[in-house]
Protein backbone atom coordinates (compact mmCIF):
# COMPACT_ATOMS: atom_id res chain seq x y z
CA MET A 1 52.07 67.00 115.60
CA PRO A 2 51.07 64.50 118.05
CA GLN A 3 52.81 61.02 117.71
CA LYS A 4 49.42 59.16 117.50
CA THR A 5 48.19 61.50 114.61
CA LEU A 6 51.52 60.97 112.74
CA THR A 7 51.21 57.19 113.14
CA LYS A 8 47.61 57.21 111.80
CA ILE A 9 48.82 59.20 108.77
CA ILE A 10 51.64 56.89 108.07
CA ILE A 11 49.27 53.80 108.32
CA SER A 12 46.71 55.46 106.06
CA ILE A 13 49.29 56.27 103.48
CA SER A 14 50.64 52.72 103.51
CA PHE A 15 47.16 51.27 103.16
CA ILE A 16 46.37 53.54 100.09
CA PHE A 17 49.75 52.53 98.51
CA SER A 18 49.14 48.73 99.14
CA ALA A 19 45.63 49.07 97.56
CA LEU A 20 46.88 50.89 94.51
CA LEU A 21 49.78 48.33 93.99
CA GLY A 22 47.34 45.48 94.39
CA GLY A 23 45.05 46.97 91.80
CA TYR A 24 47.90 47.51 89.41
CA LEU A 25 49.08 43.91 89.73
CA ILE A 26 45.62 42.48 89.29
CA TYR A 27 45.07 44.56 86.08
CA PHE A 28 48.36 43.68 84.38
CA SER A 29 48.36 40.00 85.50
CA VAL A 30 44.63 39.15 84.86
CA LEU A 31 42.58 41.90 83.20
CA GLU A 32 44.96 43.49 80.79
CA PRO A 33 45.80 40.16 78.86
CA GLU A 34 42.01 39.37 78.50
CA LEU A 35 41.26 42.78 77.28
CA ASN A 36 44.12 42.80 74.91
CA PRO A 37 42.96 41.37 71.45
CA ASN A 38 46.40 40.27 70.68
CA SER A 39 46.62 37.95 73.70
CA LYS A 40 46.04 34.23 73.28
CA ILE A 41 43.43 32.60 75.45
CA SER A 42 43.12 28.90 75.68
CA LEU A 43 39.52 27.59 75.33
CA VAL A 44 40.23 24.16 76.70
CA PRO A 45 38.18 23.45 79.81
CA ASN A 46 40.24 23.72 83.11
CA LYS A 47 43.15 25.20 81.12
CA THR A 48 42.41 28.89 81.01
CA ILE A 49 45.81 30.04 80.04
CA VAL A 50 46.29 33.61 79.08
CA GLU A 51 49.53 34.43 77.28
CA SER A 52 50.94 37.91 76.46
CA PRO A 53 51.89 38.72 72.87
CA ALA A 54 55.62 38.52 73.79
CA SER A 55 55.21 34.87 74.83
CA VAL A 56 53.50 33.68 71.65
CA PRO A 57 54.53 33.55 67.94
CA GLN A 58 53.79 36.65 66.05
CA GLN A 59 50.70 36.46 63.76
CA ASN A 60 51.61 35.52 60.20
CA ASN A 61 50.33 37.46 57.17
CA ARG A 62 46.92 35.68 57.41
CA GLN A 63 45.66 38.60 59.33
CA ALA A 64 46.16 40.73 56.08
CA THR A 65 43.35 38.72 54.55
CA ALA A 66 40.94 40.15 57.15
CA LYS A 67 39.92 43.27 55.39
CA GLY A 68 36.81 44.97 53.77
CA GLU A 69 33.69 43.25 54.92
CA VAL A 70 35.51 41.03 57.39
CA ALA A 71 38.09 43.50 58.64
CA ALA A 72 36.93 42.75 62.23
CA PHE A 73 38.01 39.10 62.01
CA LEU A 74 40.87 38.34 64.37
CA PHE A 75 43.16 35.47 63.61
CA HIS A 76 44.88 33.72 66.59
CA PRO A 77 48.70 33.75 66.42
CA THR A 78 48.35 29.85 66.17
CA PRO A 79 45.19 27.69 66.09
CA VAL A 80 43.58 27.21 69.36
CA GLU A 81 42.29 23.79 70.79
CA MET A 82 38.42 23.84 70.86
CA PRO A 83 36.46 22.84 74.04
CA VAL A 84 33.87 20.09 73.97
CA LEU A 85 30.66 21.54 72.59
CA ASN A 86 27.34 19.47 72.75
CA PHE A 87 24.54 20.41 70.48
CA ILE A 88 21.67 19.02 68.40
CA GLY A 89 21.89 18.23 64.69
CA PRO A 90 19.47 18.70 61.81
CA LYS A 91 17.90 15.32 62.56
CA GLN A 92 17.64 15.91 66.30
CA ASN A 93 20.75 13.86 66.81
CA LYS A 94 23.32 14.49 69.44
CA MET A 95 26.50 16.10 67.97
CA THR A 96 29.85 17.63 68.98
CA LEU A 97 32.46 19.48 66.80
CA ALA A 98 34.32 16.26 66.56
CA ASP A 99 31.63 15.19 64.02
CA PHE A 100 33.13 17.69 61.57
CA LYS A 101 36.67 16.55 61.90
CA GLY A 102 38.46 16.80 58.57
CA LYS A 103 36.34 19.63 57.41
CA THR A 104 36.78 23.30 57.81
CA ILE A 105 33.77 24.92 59.26
CA LEU A 106 32.48 28.50 59.86
CA LEU A 107 30.59 28.22 63.17
CA ASN A 108 28.06 30.97 63.70
CA LEU A 109 26.13 31.47 67.05
CA TRP A 110 22.88 33.17 66.57
CA ALA A 111 19.42 33.56 67.97
CA THR A 112 16.01 34.61 66.47
CA TRP A 113 15.86 37.54 68.87
CA CYS A 114 19.11 39.01 67.54
CA ALA A 115 18.43 41.51 64.74
CA PRO A 116 22.01 41.48 63.36
CA CYS A 117 21.90 37.67 63.33
CA ARG A 118 18.80 37.74 61.14
CA TYR A 119 20.47 40.45 58.92
CA GLU A 120 23.46 38.31 58.16
CA MET A 121 21.73 34.93 57.81
CA PRO A 122 21.05 35.27 54.06
CA THR A 123 24.72 35.98 53.46
CA LEU A 124 25.65 32.81 55.34
CA ASP A 125 23.19 30.76 53.30
CA ASN A 126 24.76 32.23 50.07
CA LEU A 127 28.23 31.38 51.37
CA GLN A 128 27.24 27.84 51.86
CA ALA A 129 25.89 27.79 48.25
CA LYS A 130 29.24 29.12 47.02
CA LEU A 131 31.74 27.15 49.06
CA GLY A 132 29.93 24.30 50.64
CA SER A 133 31.48 20.94 49.94
CA ASP A 134 33.02 17.88 51.75
CA LYS A 135 35.81 20.19 52.76
CA PHE A 136 33.80 23.16 53.98
CA GLU A 137 30.46 23.78 55.77
CA VAL A 138 28.70 26.76 57.38
CA VAL A 139 27.42 25.63 60.64
CA THR A 140 24.79 27.93 62.15
CA LEU A 141 24.22 27.04 65.71
CA ASN A 142 21.07 28.52 67.06
CA VAL A 143 20.90 29.24 70.89
CA ASP A 144 17.25 30.05 71.26
CA ARG A 145 16.18 28.56 74.72
CA LYS A 146 14.17 25.33 74.97
CA SER A 147 12.85 25.01 71.31
CA THR A 148 13.99 25.14 67.65
CA LYS A 149 10.52 26.01 66.50
CA GLY A 150 11.35 29.80 66.22
CA ALA A 151 14.56 29.03 64.33
CA GLU A 152 12.75 26.69 61.87
CA ALA A 153 10.06 29.24 61.16
CA PHE A 154 12.65 31.91 60.53
CA PHE A 155 14.60 29.76 58.05
CA SER A 156 11.34 29.04 56.30
CA GLU A 157 10.28 32.74 56.32
CA ILE A 158 13.49 34.02 54.72
CA GLY A 159 13.96 31.16 52.31
CA ILE A 160 17.05 29.57 53.61
CA LYS A 161 18.02 26.79 51.18
CA ASN A 162 21.57 25.66 51.81
CA LEU A 163 21.98 25.79 55.67
CA LYS A 164 21.24 22.97 57.99
CA LEU A 165 19.79 23.92 61.40
CA TYR A 166 22.06 23.16 64.42
CA ALA A 167 20.76 24.07 67.88
CA ASP A 168 21.89 24.42 71.56
CA PRO A 169 18.78 25.11 73.51
CA THR A 170 20.81 25.01 76.69
CA THR A 171 22.71 28.18 75.51
CA LYS A 172 25.92 26.65 77.16
CA ALA A 173 27.69 27.29 73.90
CA MET A 174 27.77 31.00 74.46
CA ARG A 175 29.57 30.50 77.92
CA ILE A 176 31.86 27.89 76.71
CA LEU A 177 32.96 29.87 73.63
CA ARG A 178 33.04 33.08 75.66
CA ALA A 179 30.76 35.00 73.32
CA ARG A 180 30.55 38.62 74.11
CA GLY A 181 27.31 38.89 72.24
CA LEU A 182 25.55 37.74 69.14
CA PRO A 183 26.23 36.99 66.43
CA MET A 184 29.73 35.54 66.89
CA THR A 185 31.44 33.47 64.19
CA LEU A 186 34.47 31.18 64.49
CA LEU A 187 36.58 29.71 61.77
CA ILE A 188 37.60 26.21 62.69
CA ASN A 189 40.14 24.30 60.52
CA ALA A 190 40.16 20.68 59.52
CA ASP A 191 42.03 19.65 62.56
CA GLY A 192 39.18 20.90 64.67
CA LYS A 193 41.14 24.03 65.96
CA GLU A 194 39.87 27.66 66.05
CA VAL A 195 41.83 29.79 63.60
CA GLY A 196 40.11 33.00 64.60
CA ARG A 197 36.74 34.68 65.26
CA LEU A 198 34.64 37.73 64.48
CA PHE A 199 32.25 39.40 66.87
CA GLY A 200 29.11 40.96 65.15
CA PRO A 201 27.56 40.63 61.84
CA ALA A 202 29.33 40.53 58.50
CA GLU A 203 28.66 40.14 54.74
CA TRP A 204 29.74 36.54 54.56
CA ASN A 205 29.05 36.12 50.94
CA SER A 206 31.37 38.95 50.00
CA GLN A 207 34.53 38.28 48.19
CA ASP A 208 36.46 39.58 51.25
CA ALA A 209 34.91 36.79 53.32
CA ILE A 210 35.52 34.15 50.58
CA ASN A 211 39.14 35.14 50.19
CA LEU A 212 39.68 34.84 54.08
CA ILE A 213 38.02 31.41 54.27
CA GLN A 214 39.94 30.08 51.33
CA THR A 215 43.22 30.66 53.30
CA GLU A 216 42.09 27.61 55.22
CA LEU A 217 40.98 25.53 52.25
CA LYS A 218 44.17 25.60 50.38
């Protein structure tokens, strides 16, 4: 075999090996932790820290309360600091999550064009009726663009009686909170830290959901 041909083969093999090794390292150092539901991701702006399960405390038995209607709820190994979130309150006043400090909240991101969101909204209204107090509130954050008129009409249409309308017409909340889709619901403790989250709809007025939330109210 000519020397030049042999050299080309060796170079080609080296290039392929380097590419495969690079892909392997990228996956296991960046992608794998983000795709692993047991990894912890900090949501604090400019502090995106991904920790593997081996580097964080094991989840306690709170995860055992995520069953039945809320089996998809994922508790963080430890509560996670929340990023700054700006939105509009019921009286068109500017608000942040800091306004709820001292109160456990169930933060639900939703939109009028989201069918699963519309389906679960009555259950959130019922949950607020059952557990709403100075220690707990269901905060439904609408992310329709530009206007809250559609959300207001929807609340009126289905007879919402216990929920207040919060809105983020900029939709920045979805990016800041890394929503994979809608609805997405976060449980935030009285210290303002995220305890866990659930992607997709749930029967929030079920006893399973109530039991889960009450783990933070004790």
